Amino acid sequence: MALANLPQMPQYEQSVSERARLTGRPLQPWKSILAVAQWLDEKGVKGLWDRMEELSWNYQKGKSDLETTDMTALVIQALCQCATRAIKANRTARPGEKTQLVVSVKDVLSR
């Protein structure tokens, strides 16, 4: 059955790119799942597309919670927060004045 219907899948994959709330890299692992869900939805499995699309969206929203043990990701997030605060603070600097961002381990750990 899969091979017999394989030629139809590119149109569903394109449709997924247009319909799904996810875009770019986060959508990639879901494209084939969502394409098959849309195809099955049209074949009579009503609501499958909606459920799978909602699942993909909720997974992506909760993914950061799942990755909280990834120390590299946590450090990068903390550094971004420090940089954002520094950029906001430097808006008061004189034009042409050079500034630098100094971040201590304490700053990163406090994020």
Protein backbone atom coordinates (compact mmCIF):
# COMPACT_ATOMS: atom_id res chain seq x y z
CA MET A 1 0.00 0.00 0.00
CA ALA A 2 2.82 2.39 0.88
CA LEU A 3 4.61 1.86 -2.43
CA ALA A 4 1.38 2.11 -4.44
CA ASN A 5 0.63 5.54 -2.94
CA LEU A 6 4.20 6.84 -2.74
CA PRO A 7 3.91 8.97 -5.93
CA GLN A 8 1.18 11.05 -4.24
CA MET A 9 3.29 11.95 -1.21
CA PRO A 10 5.24 14.93 -2.66
CA GLN A 11 2.01 16.92 -3.04
CA TYR A 12 1.12 16.17 0.59
CA GLU A 13 4.61 17.08 1.75
CA GLN A 14 4.29 20.41 -0.05
CA SER A 15 0.90 20.93 1.55
CA VAL A 16 2.41 20.24 4.98
CA SER A 17 4.95 23.00 4.37
CA GLU A 18 2.10 25.39 3.65
CA ARG A 19 -0.33 24.30 6.40
CA ALA A 20 1.79 23.40 9.43
CA ARG A 21 2.46 25.93 12.15
CA LEU A 22 6.02 24.67 12.50
CA THR A 23 8.52 25.87 9.93
CA GLY A 24 12.14 25.29 9.03
CA ARG A 25 14.29 22.87 10.96
CA PRO A 26 11.68 22.03 13.64
CA LEU A 27 9.27 20.90 10.91
CA GLN A 28 11.70 18.52 9.18
CA PRO A 29 11.23 15.47 11.43
CA TRP A 30 7.46 15.90 11.25
CA LYS A 31 7.03 16.37 7.48
CA SER A 32 6.58 12.72 6.54
CA ILE A 33 4.37 12.03 9.56
CA LEU A 34 2.17 15.00 8.77
CA ALA A 35 2.07 14.17 5.05
CA VAL A 36 0.82 10.64 5.78
CA ALA A 37 -1.62 12.02 8.37
CA GLN A 38 -3.04 14.42 5.80
CA TRP A 39 -3.31 11.66 3.20
CA LEU A 40 -5.08 9.35 5.68
CA ASP A 41 -7.32 12.22 6.77
CA GLU A 42 -8.47 12.62 3.17
CA LYS A 43 -8.99 8.84 2.93
CA GLY A 44 -11.41 8.87 5.86
CA VAL A 45 -9.38 8.91 9.08
CA LYS A 46 -10.99 12.19 10.11
CA GLY A 47 -9.13 14.43 12.51
CA LEU A 48 -5.77 12.68 12.18
CA TRP A 49 -4.08 15.68 10.57
CA ASP A 50 -5.35 18.00 13.31
CA ARG A 51 -4.19 15.67 16.08
CA MET A 52 -0.74 15.10 14.57
CA GLU A 53 -0.23 18.78 13.79
CA GLU A 54 -1.22 19.69 17.35
CA LEU A 55 1.16 17.02 18.68
CA SER A 56 4.04 18.42 16.61
CA TRP A 57 3.31 21.94 17.88
CA ASN A 58 3.05 20.90 21.52
CA TYR A 59 6.19 18.79 21.27
CA GLN A 60 8.17 21.73 19.94
CA LYS A 61 6.82 24.02 22.66
CA GLY A 62 7.76 21.51 25.36
CA LYS A 63 11.06 20.50 23.81
CA SER A 64 12.99 23.14 25.72
CA ASP A 65 11.69 21.62 28.96
CA LEU A 66 13.03 18.24 27.87
CA GLU A 67 16.43 19.68 27.04
CA THR A 68 17.10 21.35 30.38
CA THR A 69 19.77 18.76 31.17
CA ASP A 70 21.83 19.82 28.13
CA MET A 71 24.46 21.97 29.84
CA THR A 72 25.72 23.48 26.57
CA ALA A 73 22.24 24.66 25.62
CA LEU A 74 21.70 26.09 29.09
CA VAL A 75 25.00 28.01 29.02
CA ILE A 76 24.24 29.41 25.56
CA GLN A 77 20.79 30.51 26.70
CA ALA A 78 22.29 32.23 29.74
CA LEU A 79 24.94 33.96 27.59
CA CYS A 80 22.22 35.19 25.24
CA GLN A 81 20.32 36.63 28.18
CA CYS A 82 23.48 38.38 29.41
CA ALA A 83 24.16 39.76 25.94
CA THR A 84 20.58 40.99 25.57
CA ARG A 85 20.81 42.84 28.88
CA ALA A 86 24.16 44.35 27.85
CA ILE A 87 22.79 45.52 24.50
CA LYS A 88 19.87 47.22 26.25
CA ALA A 89 22.25 48.83 28.73
CA ASN A 90 24.60 50.03 25.96
CA ARG A 91 21.87 51.96 24.19
CA THR A 92 22.86 54.84 26.44
CA ALA A 93 26.50 54.72 25.32
CA ARG A 94 27.83 57.63 23.28
CA PRO A 95 27.97 57.10 19.50
CA GLY A 96 31.29 55.59 18.46
CA GLU A 97 32.17 54.63 22.01
CA LYS A 98 33.54 51.09 22.15
CA THR A 99 32.08 48.80 24.73
CA GLN A 100 32.78 45.24 25.64
CA LEU A 101 30.74 42.52 27.24
CA VAL A 102 32.29 40.84 30.24
CA VAL A 103 30.36 37.89 31.62
CA SER A 104 31.40 36.06 34.75
CA VAL A 105 30.57 32.50 35.68
CA LYS A 106 28.39 33.94 38.44
CA ASP A 107 26.40 35.89 35.80
CA VAL A 108 25.81 32.72 33.79
CA LEU A 109 24.85 30.66 36.85
CA SER A 110 22.36 33.28 37.99
CA ARG A 111 20.37 32.92 34.77
